[in-house]
Amino acid sequence: MATPELPRRAPGSSGRTYAAPDPPPGAPSRALRMRAAAGWVKFMRRAEIAEQLREAKT
């Protein structure tokens, strides 16, 4: 018994959009988490530069 070939789907969006659910009470919002992540990257970059400067002095 042969199974019929399934119809081909064109890649792309289905038209449905996904909205992230609101965070539970007391949890940080997405915007706050994004700001915190950006701040952490900035902090780590500064720490790396400071360490390179210390190594260059010695």
PDB file of N, CA and C in Angstrom:
ATOM      1  N   MET A   1       0.852  -1.173   0.000  1.00  0.00           N
ATOM      2  CA  MET A   1       0.000   0.000   0.000  1.00  0.00           C
ATOM      3  C   MET A   1       0.900   1.238   0.000  1.00  0.00           C
ATOM      4  N   ALA A   2       0.765   2.059  -0.986  1.00  0.00           N
ATOM      5  CA  ALA A   2       1.571   3.273  -1.104  1.00  0.00           C
ATOM      6  C   ALA A   2       0.838   4.439  -0.448  1.00  0.00           C
ATOM      7  N   THR A   3       1.607   5.263   0.269  1.00  0.00           N
ATOM      8  CA  THR A   3       0.992   6.440   0.898  1.00  0.00           C
ATOM      9  C   THR A   3       1.129   7.615  -0.055  1.00  0.00           C
ATOM     10  N   PRO A   4       0.105   8.413  -0.174  1.00  0.00           N
ATOM     11  CA  PRO A   4       0.193   9.561  -1.078  1.00  0.00           C
ATOM     12  C   PRO A   4       1.210  10.574  -0.539  1.00  0.00           C
ATOM     13  N   GLU A   5       1.866  11.259  -1.460  1.00  0.00           N
ATOM     14  CA  GLU A   5       2.856  12.250  -1.067  1.00  0.00           C
ATOM     15  C   GLU A   5       2.155  13.443  -0.411  1.00  0.00           C
ATOM     16  N   LEU A   6       2.749  13.945   0.663  1.00  0.00           N
ATOM     17  CA  LEU A   6       2.167  15.091   1.361  1.00  0.00           C
ATOM     18  C   LEU A   6       2.376  16.359   0.547  1.00  0.00           C
ATOM     19  N   PRO A   7       1.458  17.292   0.639  1.00  0.00           N
ATOM     20  CA  PRO A   7       1.629  18.543  -0.102  1.00  0.00           C
ATOM     21  C   PRO A   7       2.833  19.322   0.433  1.00  0.00           C
ATOM     22  N   ARG A   8       3.515  20.004  -0.462  1.00  0.00           N
ATOM     23  CA  ARG A   8       4.682  20.794  -0.078  1.00  0.00           C
ATOM     24  C   ARG A   8       4.248  22.096   0.555  1.00  0.00           C
ATOM     25  N   ARG A   9       4.965  22.479   1.606  1.00  0.00           N
ATOM     26  CA  ARG A   9       4.701  23.763   2.266  1.00  0.00           C
ATOM     27  C   ARG A   9       5.770  24.752   1.857  1.00  0.00           C
ATOM     28  N   ALA A  10       5.345  25.937   1.551  1.00  0.00           N
ATOM     29  CA  ALA A  10       6.305  26.986   1.249  1.00  0.00           C
ATOM     30  C   ALA A  10       6.843  27.519   2.576  1.00  0.00           C
ATOM     31  N   PRO A  11       8.164  27.725   2.669  1.00  0.00           N
ATOM     32  CA  PRO A  11       8.705  28.258   3.921  1.00  0.00           C
ATOM     33  C   PRO A  11       8.242  29.685   4.151  1.00  0.00           C
ATOM     34  N   GLY A  12       8.175  30.056   5.390  1.00  0.00           N
ATOM     35  CA  GLY A  12       7.767  31.416   5.711  1.00  0.00           C
ATOM     36  C   GLY A  12       6.807  31.425   6.883  1.00  0.00           C
ATOM     37  N   SER A  13       6.398  32.589   7.222  1.00  0.00           N
ATOM     38  CA  SER A  13       5.534  32.710   8.393  1.00  0.00           C
ATOM     39  C   SER A  13       4.129  32.243   8.058  1.00  0.00           C
ATOM     40  N   SER A  14       3.469  31.744   9.071  1.00  0.00           N
ATOM     41  CA  SER A  14       2.113  31.247   8.876  1.00  0.00           C
ATOM     42  C   SER A  14       1.085  32.352   9.056  1.00  0.00           C
ATOM     43  N   GLY A  15       1.558  33.562   9.411  1.00  0.00           N
ATOM     44  CA  GLY A  15       0.628  34.648   9.641  1.00  0.00           C
ATOM     45  C   GLY A  15       0.307  34.828  11.102  1.00  0.00           C
ATOM     46  N   ARG A  16       0.612  33.798  11.902  1.00  0.00           N
ATOM     47  CA  ARG A  16       0.370  33.903  13.337  1.00  0.00           C
ATOM     48  C   ARG A  16       1.543  34.614  13.984  1.00  0.00           C
ATOM     49  N   THR A  17       1.265  35.417  14.952  1.00  0.00           N
ATOM     50  CA  THR A  17       2.336  36.087  15.683  1.00  0.00           C
ATOM     51  C   THR A  17       2.330  35.591  17.117  1.00  0.00           C
ATOM     52  N   TYR A  18       3.507  35.508  17.675  1.00  0.00           N
ATOM     53  CA  TYR A  18       3.650  35.050  19.053  1.00  0.00           C
ATOM     54  C   TYR A  18       3.948  36.251  19.930  1.00  0.00           C
ATOM     55  N   ALA A  19       3.159  36.432  20.943  1.00  0.00           N
ATOM     56  CA  ALA A  19       3.395  37.502  21.900  1.00  0.00           C
ATOM     57  C   ALA A  19       3.887  36.864  23.193  1.00  0.00           C
ATOM     58  N   ALA A  20       5.014  37.352  23.681  1.00  0.00           N
ATOM     59  CA  ALA A  20       5.557  36.813  24.924  1.00  0.00           C
ATOM     60  C   ALA A  20       4.591  37.115  26.059  1.00  0.00           C
ATOM     61  N   PRO A  21       4.382  36.147  26.920  1.00  0.00           N
ATOM     62  CA  PRO A  21       3.465  36.385  28.031  1.00  0.00           C
ATOM     63  C   PRO A  21       4.040  37.410  29.008  1.00  0.00           C
ATOM     64  N   ASP A  22       3.173  38.101  29.706  1.00  0.00           N
ATOM     65  CA  ASP A  22       3.621  39.052  30.714  1.00  0.00           C
ATOM     66  C   ASP A  22       4.298  38.279  31.844  1.00  0.00           C
ATOM     67  N   PRO A  23       5.356  38.846  32.415  1.00  0.00           N
ATOM     68  CA  PRO A  23       6.027  38.135  33.503  1.00  0.00           C
ATOM     69  C   PRO A  23       5.135  38.081  34.738  1.00  0.00           C
ATOM     70  N   PRO A  24       5.341  37.078  35.570  1.00  0.00           N
ATOM     71  CA  PRO A  24       4.534  36.997  36.796  1.00  0.00           C
ATOM     72  C   PRO A  24       4.847  38.173  37.715  1.00  0.00           C
ATOM     73  N   PRO A  25       3.974  38.492  38.630  1.00  0.00           N
ATOM     74  CA  PRO A  25       4.222  39.618  39.540  1.00  0.00           C
ATOM     75  C   PRO A  25       5.546  39.448  40.291  1.00  0.00           C
ATOM     76  N   GLY A  26       6.312  40.525  40.345  1.00  0.00           N
ATOM     77  CA  GLY A  26       7.588  40.486  41.042  1.00  0.00           C
ATOM     78  C   GLY A  26       8.759  40.099  40.169  1.00  0.00           C
ATOM     79  N   ALA A  27       8.500  39.584  38.991  1.00  0.00           N
ATOM     80  CA  ALA A  27       9.577  39.202  38.072  1.00  0.00           C
ATOM     81  C   ALA A  27       9.946  40.404  37.202  1.00  0.00           C
ATOM     82  N   PRO A  28      11.229  40.498  36.808  1.00  0.00           N
ATOM     83  CA  PRO A  28      11.633  41.632  35.975  1.00  0.00           C
ATOM     84  C   PRO A  28      11.030  41.531  34.574  1.00  0.00           C
ATOM     85  N   SER A  29      10.737  42.678  33.994  1.00  0.00           N
ATOM     86  CA  SER A  29      10.175  42.704  32.645  1.00  0.00           C
ATOM     87  C   SER A  29      11.268  42.388  31.627  1.00  0.00           C
ATOM     88  N   ARG A  30      10.864  42.099  30.429  1.00  0.00           N
ATOM     89  CA  ARG A  30      11.833  41.806  29.361  1.00  0.00           C
ATOM     90  C   ARG A  30      12.732  43.002  29.119  1.00  0.00           C
ATOM     91  N   ALA A  31      12.160  44.206  29.121  1.00  0.00           N
ATOM     92  CA  ALA A  31      12.958  45.408  28.889  1.00  0.00           C
ATOM     93  C   ALA A  31      14.026  45.559  29.970  1.00  0.00           C
ATOM     94  N   LEU A  32      13.663  45.299  31.218  1.00  0.00           N
ATOM     95  CA  LEU A  32      14.627  45.412  32.307  1.00  0.00           C
ATOM     96  C   LEU A  32      15.714  44.352  32.183  1.00  0.00           C
ATOM     97  N   ARG A  33      15.325  43.141  31.815  1.00  0.00           N
ATOM     98  CA  ARG A  33      16.332  42.085  31.635  1.00  0.00           C
ATOM     99  C   ARG A  33      17.291  42.426  30.508  1.00  0.00           C
ATOM    100  N   MET A  34      16.783  43.009  29.426  1.00  0.00           N
ATOM    101  CA  MET A  34      17.643  43.392  28.296  1.00  0.00           C
ATOM    102  C   MET A  34      18.613  44.493  28.714  1.00  0.00           C
ATOM    103  N   ARG A  35      18.131  45.479  29.493  1.00  0.00           N
ATOM    104  CA  ARG A  35      19.010  46.546  29.980  1.00  0.00           C
ATOM    105  C   ARG A  35      20.079  45.986  30.893  1.00  0.00           C
ATOM    106  N   ALA A  36      19.701  45.049  31.740  1.00  0.00           N
ATOM    107  CA  ALA A  36      20.663  44.432  32.659  1.00  0.00           C
ATOM    108  C   ALA A  36      21.724  43.649  31.885  1.00  0.00           C
ATOM    109  N   ALA A  37      21.308  42.931  30.853  1.00  0.00           N
ATOM    110  CA  ALA A  37      22.260  42.170  30.049  1.00  0.00           C
ATOM    111  C   ALA A  37      23.237  43.105  29.346  1.00  0.00           C
ATOM    112  N   ALA A  38      22.732  44.203  28.816  1.00  0.00           N
ATOM    113  CA  ALA A  38      23.604  45.171  28.139  1.00  0.00           C
ATOM    114  C   ALA A  38      24.580  45.781  29.140  1.00  0.00           C
ATOM    115  N   GLY A  39      24.108  46.066  30.343  1.00  0.00           N
ATOM    116  CA  GLY A  39      24.979  46.613  31.374  1.00  0.00           C
ATOM    117  C   GLY A  39      26.055  45.626  31.785  1.00  0.00           C
ATOM    118  N   TRP A  40      25.709  44.345  31.842  1.00  0.00           N
ATOM    119  CA  TRP A  40      26.674  43.321  32.216  1.00  0.00           C
ATOM    120  C   TRP A  40      27.772  43.212  31.156  1.00  0.00           C
ATOM    121  N   VAL A  41      27.386  43.254  29.895  1.00  0.00           N
ATOM    122  CA  VAL A  41      28.372  43.194  28.813  1.00  0.00           C
ATOM    123  C   VAL A  41      29.314  44.390  28.913  1.00  0.00           C
ATOM    124  N   LYS A  42      28.769  45.555  29.161  1.00  0.00           N
ATOM    125  CA  LYS A  42      29.579  46.774  29.299  1.00  0.00           C
ATOM    126  C   LYS A  42      30.541  46.640  30.484  1.00  0.00           C
ATOM    127  N   PHE A  43      30.041  46.121  31.609  1.00  0.00           N
ATOM    128  CA  PHE A  43      30.861  45.929  32.799  1.00  0.00           C
ATOM    129  C   PHE A  43      32.019  44.968  32.506  1.00  0.00           C
ATOM    130  N   MET A  44      31.723  43.862  31.850  1.00  0.00           N
ATOM    131  CA  MET A  44      32.761  42.872  31.552  1.00  0.00           C
ATOM    132  C   MET A  44      33.794  43.435  30.585  1.00  0.00           C
ATOM    133  N   ARG A  45      33.351  44.235  29.618  1.00  0.00           N
ATOM    134  CA  ARG A  45      34.276  44.848  28.665  1.00  0.00           C
ATOM    135  C   ARG A  45      35.221  45.797  29.401  1.00  0.00           C
ATOM    136  N   ARG A  46      34.677  46.603  30.317  1.00  0.00           N
ATOM    137  CA  ARG A  46      35.515  47.528  31.091  1.00  0.00           C
ATOM    138  C   ARG A  46      36.514  46.776  31.953  1.00  0.00           C
ATOM    139  N   ALA A  47      36.077  45.684  32.564  1.00  0.00           N
ATOM    140  CA  ALA A  47      36.970  44.885  33.401  1.00  0.00           C
ATOM    141  C   ALA A  47      38.107  44.297  32.570  1.00  0.00           C
ATOM    142  N   GLU A  48      37.792  43.855  31.365  1.00  0.00           N
ATOM    143  CA  GLU A  48      38.805  43.287  30.477  1.00  0.00           C
ATOM    144  C   GLU A  48      39.832  44.352  30.086  1.00  0.00           C
ATOM    145  N   ILE A  49      39.364  45.544  29.781  1.00  0.00           N
ATOM    146  CA  ILE A  49      40.270  46.636  29.403  1.00  0.00           C
ATOM    147  C   ILE A  49      41.146  47.014  30.592  1.00  0.00           C
ATOM    148  N   ALA A  50      40.561  47.078  31.781  1.00  0.00           N
ATOM    149  CA  ALA A  50      41.328  47.424  32.973  1.00  0.00           C
ATOM    150  C   ALA A  50      42.419  46.386  33.224  1.00  0.00           C
ATOM    151  N   GLU A  51      42.108  45.129  33.029  1.00  0.00           N
ATOM    152  CA  GLU A  51      43.105  44.084  33.235  1.00  0.00           C
ATOM    153  C   GLU A  51      44.217  44.187  32.199  1.00  0.00           C
ATOM    154  N   GLN A  52      43.879  44.493  30.970  1.00  0.00           N
ATOM    155  CA  GLN A  52      44.906  44.660  29.929  1.00  0.00           C
ATOM    156  C   GLN A  52      45.821  45.827  30.262  1.00  0.00           C
ATOM    157  N   LEU A  53      45.264  46.902  30.812  1.00  0.00           N
ATOM    158  CA  LEU A  53      46.077  48.052  31.183  1.00  0.00           C
ATOM    159  C   LEU A  53      47.004  47.702  32.339  1.00  0.00           C
ATOM    160  N   ARG A  54      46.514  46.934  33.315  1.00  0.00           N
ATOM    161  CA  ARG A  54      47.361  46.508  34.437  1.00  0.00           C
ATOM    162  C   ARG A  54      48.510  45.639  33.945  1.00  0.00           C
ATOM    163  N   GLU A  55      48.225  44.722  33.015  1.00  0.00           N
ATOM    164  CA  GLU A  55      49.263  43.861  32.473  1.00  0.00           C
ATOM    165  C   GLU A  55      50.284  44.651  31.672  1.00  0.00           C
ATOM    166  N   ALA A  56      49.826  45.681  30.993  1.00  0.00           N
ATOM    167  CA  ALA A  56      50.737  46.503  30.201  1.00  0.00           C
ATOM    168  C   ALA A  56      51.678  47.310  31.088  1.00  0.00           C
ATOM    169  N   LYS A  57      51.232  47.702  32.275  1.00  0.00           N
ATOM    170  CA  LYS A  57      52.071  48.461  33.188  1.00  0.00           C
ATOM    171  C   LYS A  57      53.165  47.604  33.801  1.00  0.00           C
ATOM    172  N   THR A  58      52.919  46.327  33.936  1.00  0.00           N
ATOM    173  CA  THR A  58      53.915  45.454  34.578  1.00  0.00           C
ATOM    174  C   THR A  58      54.833  44.812  33.589  1.00  0.00           C
TER     175      THR A  58
END
